[in-house]
């Protein structure tokens, strides 16, 4: 892939290899009876996917007005600030959606961490 897509091909190949390995591991564990997802895991998987989709939509929507800051003439500091804004915004949307949908309960997580 490197010769066709350049440096992006390396990232795509790595990602495809990781997903292939994860799927093969999951299938093998289910077939051997070592892993059986319960209802709560299936439900949370769907809710995590919903939160991820909301984050993707928010990032896509925010990338349009921030696109001008990623131009090469703006300098690295401006580009890094724009990237940081996208990362922080996407993270906040994901955390809010995960909490709101019930995919995660951050209050319970903080309580368990505080108890040690």
Protein backbone atom coordinates (compact mmCIF):
# COMPACT_ATOMS: atom_id res chain seq x y z
CA UNK A 1 0.00 0.00 0.00
CA UNK A 2 2.92 2.35 0.61
CA UNK A 3 3.74 2.66 -3.07
CA UNK A 4 0.14 3.48 -3.98
CA UNK A 5 -0.95 5.68 -1.08
CA UNK A 6 2.35 6.89 0.34
CA UNK A 7 2.61 7.33 4.10
CA UNK A 8 -1.17 7.08 4.48
CA UNK A 9 -0.95 3.50 3.20
CA UNK A 10 1.10 2.51 6.26
CA UNK A 11 -1.58 3.81 8.61
CA UNK A 12 -4.37 2.13 6.65
CA UNK A 13 -2.50 -1.19 6.53
CA UNK A 14 -1.79 -1.05 10.27
CA UNK A 15 -5.42 -0.27 11.06
CA UNK A 16 -6.72 -3.05 8.80
CA UNK A 17 -4.30 -5.53 10.35
CA UNK A 18 -5.37 -4.57 13.87
CA UNK A 19 -9.08 -4.86 13.07
CA UNK A 20 -8.52 -8.18 11.30
CA UNK A 21 -6.67 -9.53 14.33
CA UNK A 22 -9.38 -8.29 16.74
CA UNK A 23 -12.17 -9.88 14.69
CA UNK A 24 -10.30 -13.18 14.34
CA UNK A 25 -9.55 -13.24 18.07
CA UNK A 26 -13.18 -12.54 18.91
CA UNK A 27 -14.47 -15.23 16.55
CA UNK A 28 -11.99 -17.76 17.92
CA UNK A 29 -12.84 -17.01 21.55
CA UNK A 30 -16.59 -17.31 20.86
CA UNK A 31 -16.12 -20.60 18.97
CA UNK A 32 -14.05 -22.06 21.80
CA UNK A 33 -16.59 -20.93 24.38
CA UNK A 34 -14.14 -18.63 26.19
CA UNK A 35 -16.14 -15.49 25.50
CA UNK A 36 -19.86 -14.96 25.43
CA UNK A 37 -21.05 -11.35 25.42
CA UNK A 38 -23.90 -10.74 27.83
CA UNK A 39 -26.82 -8.39 27.32
CA UNK A 40 -25.13 -5.49 29.14
CA UNK A 41 -22.03 -5.72 26.94
CA UNK A 42 -24.11 -5.81 23.76
CA UNK A 43 -26.15 -2.82 24.95
CA UNK A 44 -23.09 -0.81 25.88
CA UNK A 45 -21.46 -1.67 22.56
CA UNK A 46 -24.39 -0.12 20.72
CA UNK A 47 -24.39 2.93 23.01
CA UNK A 48 -20.63 3.42 22.57
CA UNK A 49 -21.16 3.28 18.81
CA UNK A 50 -23.86 5.96 19.11
CA UNK A 51 -21.53 8.17 21.18
CA UNK A 52 -18.75 7.64 18.65
CA UNK A 53 -21.08 8.56 15.80
CA UNK A 54 -22.12 11.75 17.60
CA UNK A 55 -18.46 12.63 18.10
CA UNK A 56 -17.71 11.99 14.42
CA UNK A 57 -20.57 14.24 13.35
CA UNK A 58 -19.46 16.98 15.74
CA UNK A 59 -15.87 16.77 14.48
CA UNK A 60 -17.01 16.88 10.88
CA UNK A 61 -19.21 19.88 11.60
CA UNK A 62 -16.44 21.69 13.53
CA UNK A 63 -13.77 20.95 10.94
CA UNK A 64 -15.44 23.17 8.33
CA UNK A 65 -15.00 26.49 10.19
CA UNK A 66 -11.59 25.43 11.50
CA UNK A 67 -10.33 24.39 8.07
CA UNK A 68 -8.81 27.81 7.40
CA UNK A 69 -6.51 27.45 10.43
CA UNK A 70 -4.92 24.28 9.02
CA UNK A 71 -3.51 26.08 5.96
CA UNK A 72 0.30 25.72 5.74
CA UNK A 73 0.78 29.51 5.84
CA UNK A 74 -0.70 29.81 9.34
CA UNK A 75 2.26 28.29 11.13
CA UNK A 76 2.54 25.31 13.40
CA UNK A 77 1.26 27.03 16.55
CA UNK A 78 -2.05 28.03 14.95
CA UNK A 79 -2.43 24.56 13.42
CA UNK A 80 -1.76 22.89 16.78
CA UNK A 81 -4.28 25.13 18.52
CA UNK A 82 -6.92 24.27 15.91
CA UNK A 83 -6.10 20.57 16.28
CA UNK A 84 -6.29 20.88 20.06
CA UNK A 85 -9.70 22.54 19.74
CA UNK A 86 -10.94 19.65 17.58
CA UNK A 87 -9.56 17.04 19.98
CA UNK A 88 -10.98 18.75 23.08
CA UNK A 89 -14.36 19.35 21.45
CA UNK A 90 -14.62 15.80 20.16
CA UNK A 91 -13.66 14.42 23.56
CA UNK A 92 -16.25 16.54 25.33
CA UNK A 93 -18.99 15.45 22.90
CA UNK A 94 -18.02 11.79 23.33
CA UNK A 95 -17.92 11.99 27.13
CA UNK A 96 -21.25 13.81 27.28
CA UNK A 97 -22.94 11.36 24.90
CA UNK A 98 -21.48 8.32 26.67
CA UNK A 99 -22.78 9.63 30.01
CA UNK A 100 -26.16 10.69 28.59
CA UNK A 101 -26.85 7.40 26.77
CA UNK A 102 -25.70 5.28 29.68
CA UNK A 103 -22.73 3.79 27.84
CA UNK A 104 -20.58 5.00 30.73
CA UNK A 105 -21.26 6.16 34.26
CA UNK A 106 -18.47 8.56 35.13
CA UNK A 107 -19.85 9.38 38.59
CA UNK A 108 -19.59 5.73 39.56
CA UNK A 109 -16.10 5.57 38.06
CA UNK A 110 -14.94 8.59 40.08
CA UNK A 111 -16.50 7.15 43.25
CA UNK A 112 -14.73 3.82 42.79
CA UNK A 113 -11.43 5.57 42.11
CA UNK A 114 -11.82 7.75 45.21
CA UNK A 115 -12.47 4.71 47.38
CA UNK A 116 -9.19 3.21 46.23
